[in-house]
Each structure stands twice: as structure tokens, then as C-alpha cells.
């Protein structure tokens, strides 16, 4: 995600909530990734991981090499 897109996403109001269940091992991976990337909350780590996954999916669909 480009810096300008990241700022747009960060500025956008978070108004939708949903519940999701994870295995403890998946939560540990998320928490470890968040800690390594200096992300303050689990929710923010999950949001960023989702955005990164969607970005990679778009690149793969367009035939671009993934980072």
C-alpha cells in the first residue's frame, strides 16, 4: 500500500464492527507480527495484515511480482 493510501485508510472512520474467532496459535502469530512492527493494538495489526493481503492479492491478479 502506498503511503498516501495508508493515510487515507488511517483517516477513514472505523464505524463497522464484526466478531471473528481465531485459534490461539494464529493470535500468537498476529501478536508477534504486531510487536515486531511496533503496532500498538491487536485490532490495528489485524487491519494492517488484511490490507497487506488485499494489496498482494491485487498485485497477483494484475500479474505483478509480490514483495
N, C-alpha and C. Protein backbone atom coordinates (compact mmCIF):
# COMPACT_ATOMS: atom_id res chain seq x y z
N UNK A 1 0.85 -1.17 0.00
CA UNK A 1 0.00 0.00 0.00
C UNK A 1 0.89 1.23 0.00
N UNK A 2 0.57 2.17 -0.85
CA UNK A 2 1.34 3.39 -0.92
C UNK A 2 1.07 4.24 0.32
N UNK A 3 2.00 5.13 0.63
CA UNK A 3 1.88 5.97 1.83
C UNK A 3 0.59 6.77 1.80
N UNK A 4 0.25 7.36 0.65
CA UNK A 4 -0.98 8.16 0.58
C UNK A 4 -2.22 7.31 0.84
N UNK A 5 -2.21 6.07 0.35
CA UNK A 5 -3.34 5.18 0.60
C UNK A 5 -3.42 4.81 2.07
N UNK A 6 -2.25 4.59 2.70
CA UNK A 6 -2.22 4.26 4.12
C UNK A 6 -2.81 5.39 4.94
N UNK A 7 -2.48 6.64 4.59
CA UNK A 7 -3.01 7.79 5.31
C UNK A 7 -4.52 7.90 5.12
N UNK A 8 -5.00 7.61 3.90
CA UNK A 8 -6.45 7.65 3.65
C UNK A 8 -7.16 6.62 4.51
N UNK A 9 -6.63 5.40 4.55
CA UNK A 9 -7.24 4.33 5.33
C UNK A 9 -7.22 4.69 6.81
N UNK A 10 -6.09 5.22 7.29
CA UNK A 10 -5.98 5.59 8.70
C UNK A 10 -6.95 6.71 9.07
N UNK A 11 -7.19 7.63 8.14
CA UNK A 11 -8.08 8.76 8.41
C UNK A 11 -9.55 8.39 8.31
N UNK A 12 -9.84 7.31 7.59
CA UNK A 12 -11.23 6.90 7.42
C UNK A 12 -11.81 6.42 8.76
N UNK A 13 -13.03 6.84 9.04
CA UNK A 13 -13.67 6.47 10.31
C UNK A 13 -13.93 4.97 10.36
N UNK A 14 -13.66 4.40 11.50
CA UNK A 14 -13.91 2.97 11.71
C UNK A 14 -15.30 2.84 12.34
N UNK A 15 -16.29 2.53 11.52
CA UNK A 15 -17.66 2.52 12.01
C UNK A 15 -18.32 1.15 11.98
N UNK A 16 -17.68 0.19 11.38
CA UNK A 16 -18.25 -1.16 11.28
C UNK A 16 -17.50 -2.11 12.19
N UNK A 17 -18.25 -2.94 12.90
CA UNK A 17 -17.66 -3.93 13.79
C UNK A 17 -18.13 -5.31 13.39
N UNK A 18 -17.26 -6.31 13.57
CA UNK A 18 -17.69 -7.68 13.42
C UNK A 18 -16.85 -8.56 14.33
N UNK A 19 -17.37 -9.73 14.61
CA UNK A 19 -16.69 -10.64 15.51
C UNK A 19 -16.06 -11.76 14.69
N UNK A 20 -14.86 -12.15 15.07
CA UNK A 20 -14.17 -13.23 14.38
C UNK A 20 -13.45 -14.08 15.43
N UNK A 21 -13.37 -15.37 15.18
CA UNK A 21 -12.71 -16.29 16.11
C UNK A 21 -11.42 -16.77 15.47
N UNK A 22 -10.34 -16.83 16.28
CA UNK A 22 -9.05 -17.32 15.83
C UNK A 22 -8.56 -18.41 16.76
N UNK A 23 -7.74 -19.30 16.23
CA UNK A 23 -7.05 -20.27 17.06
C UNK A 23 -5.98 -19.53 17.86
N UNK A 24 -5.65 -20.02 19.05
CA UNK A 24 -4.61 -19.36 19.85
C UNK A 24 -3.29 -19.23 19.08
N UNK A 25 -2.93 -20.21 18.28
CA UNK A 25 -1.67 -20.14 17.53
C UNK A 25 -1.69 -19.00 16.51
N UNK A 26 -2.86 -18.76 15.89
CA UNK A 26 -2.97 -17.66 14.93
C UNK A 26 -2.87 -16.33 15.65
N UNK A 27 -3.50 -16.20 16.81
CA UNK A 27 -3.40 -14.96 17.58
C UNK A 27 -1.96 -14.68 18.01
N UNK A 28 -1.23 -15.73 18.34
CA UNK A 28 0.18 -15.53 18.70
C UNK A 28 0.95 -15.00 17.50
N UNK A 29 0.70 -15.53 16.31
CA UNK A 29 1.38 -15.04 15.10
C UNK A 29 1.03 -13.57 14.86
N UNK A 30 -0.24 -13.23 15.02
CA UNK A 30 -0.68 -11.84 14.83
C UNK A 30 -0.02 -10.93 15.86
N UNK A 31 -0.05 -11.35 17.12
CA UNK A 31 0.55 -10.54 18.19
C UNK A 31 2.06 -10.37 17.99
N UNK A 32 2.74 -11.45 17.60
CA UNK A 32 4.18 -11.38 17.35
C UNK A 32 4.49 -10.43 16.19
N UNK A 33 3.68 -10.51 15.13
CA UNK A 33 3.87 -9.63 13.98
C UNK A 33 3.64 -8.17 14.40
N UNK A 34 2.59 -7.94 15.16
CA UNK A 34 2.29 -6.60 15.63
C UNK A 34 3.41 -6.04 16.49
N UNK A 35 3.93 -6.86 17.40
CA UNK A 35 5.03 -6.41 18.26
C UNK A 35 6.26 -6.08 17.42
N UNK A 36 6.60 -6.95 16.46
CA UNK A 36 7.78 -6.74 15.62
C UNK A 36 7.65 -5.48 14.76
N UNK A 37 6.41 -5.10 14.45
CA UNK A 37 6.16 -3.92 13.62
C UNK A 37 5.70 -2.71 14.42
N UNK A 38 5.86 -2.80 15.74
CA UNK A 38 5.55 -1.69 16.65
C UNK A 38 4.11 -1.19 16.51
N UNK A 39 3.20 -2.14 16.38
CA UNK A 39 1.78 -1.80 16.28
C UNK A 39 1.18 -1.95 17.68
N UNK A 40 0.44 -0.96 18.10
CA UNK A 40 0.01 -0.88 19.50
C UNK A 40 -1.11 -1.83 19.87
N UNK A 41 -2.01 -2.13 18.93
CA UNK A 41 -3.15 -2.96 19.29
C UNK A 41 -3.29 -4.15 18.35
N UNK A 42 -3.90 -5.19 18.86
CA UNK A 42 -4.18 -6.38 18.05
C UNK A 42 -5.11 -6.01 16.89
N UNK A 43 -6.11 -5.18 17.17
CA UNK A 43 -7.05 -4.78 16.12
C UNK A 43 -6.34 -4.08 14.97
N UNK A 44 -5.41 -3.18 15.29
CA UNK A 44 -4.68 -2.48 14.24
C UNK A 44 -3.78 -3.44 13.48
N UNK A 45 -3.16 -4.38 14.17
CA UNK A 45 -2.33 -5.38 13.49
C UNK A 45 -3.18 -6.19 12.50
N UNK A 46 -4.37 -6.59 12.91
CA UNK A 46 -5.25 -7.35 12.02
C UNK A 46 -5.66 -6.50 10.83
N UNK A 47 -6.00 -5.22 11.06
CA UNK A 47 -6.36 -4.34 9.94
C UNK A 47 -5.21 -4.22 8.94
N UNK A 48 -4.00 -4.02 9.46
CA UNK A 48 -2.86 -3.86 8.56
C UNK A 48 -2.56 -5.15 7.80
N UNK A 49 -2.67 -6.29 8.46
CA UNK A 49 -2.44 -7.56 7.78
C UNK A 49 -3.48 -7.79 6.68
N UNK A 50 -4.73 -7.42 6.94
CA UNK A 50 -5.77 -7.56 5.93
C UNK A 50 -5.46 -6.67 4.73
N UNK A 51 -5.07 -5.42 4.99
CA UNK A 51 -4.74 -4.51 3.90
C UNK A 51 -3.56 -5.02 3.08
N UNK A 52 -2.54 -5.55 3.76
CA UNK A 52 -1.38 -6.10 3.04
C UNK A 52 -1.79 -7.31 2.20
N UNK A 53 -2.64 -8.16 2.74
CA UNK A 53 -3.11 -9.32 1.99
C UNK A 53 -3.92 -8.91 0.77
N UNK A 54 -4.78 -7.92 0.92
CA UNK A 54 -5.58 -7.43 -0.21
C UNK A 54 -4.70 -6.79 -1.27
N UNK A 55 -3.69 -6.05 -0.83
CA UNK A 55 -2.76 -5.42 -1.77
C UNK A 55 -2.01 -6.49 -2.57
N UNK A 56 -1.52 -7.52 -1.89
CA UNK A 56 -0.82 -8.60 -2.59
C UNK A 56 -1.75 -9.35 -3.53
N UNK A 57 -2.98 -9.52 -3.13
CA UNK A 57 -3.96 -10.18 -3.98
C UNK A 57 -4.18 -9.38 -5.26
N UNK A 58 -4.29 -8.04 -5.13
CA UNK A 58 -4.45 -7.18 -6.30
C UNK A 58 -3.24 -7.27 -7.22
N UNK A 59 -2.04 -7.26 -6.63
CA UNK A 59 -0.81 -7.36 -7.43
C UNK A 59 -0.77 -8.69 -8.18
N UNK A 60 -1.12 -9.77 -7.49
CA UNK A 60 -1.10 -11.08 -8.13
C UNK A 60 -2.12 -11.17 -9.25
N UNK A 61 -3.27 -10.55 -9.04
CA UNK A 61 -4.32 -10.56 -10.07
C UNK A 61 -3.88 -9.79 -11.31
N UNK A 62 -3.05 -8.77 -11.11
CA UNK A 62 -2.55 -7.96 -12.22
C UNK A 62 -1.27 -8.53 -12.81
N UNK A 63 -0.76 -9.62 -12.24
CA UNK A 63 0.44 -10.25 -12.76
C UNK A 63 1.73 -9.61 -12.30
N UNK A 64 1.67 -8.76 -11.27
CA UNK A 64 2.87 -8.12 -10.74
C UNK A 64 3.55 -9.06 -9.77
N UNK A 65 4.84 -8.90 -9.60
CA UNK A 65 5.58 -9.70 -8.65
C UNK A 65 5.23 -9.24 -7.24
N UNK A 66 5.09 -10.19 -6.32
CA UNK A 66 4.78 -9.81 -4.93
C UNK A 66 6.07 -9.50 -4.19
N UNK A 67 5.93 -8.58 -3.22
CA UNK A 67 7.11 -8.12 -2.47
C UNK A 67 7.53 -9.12 -1.43
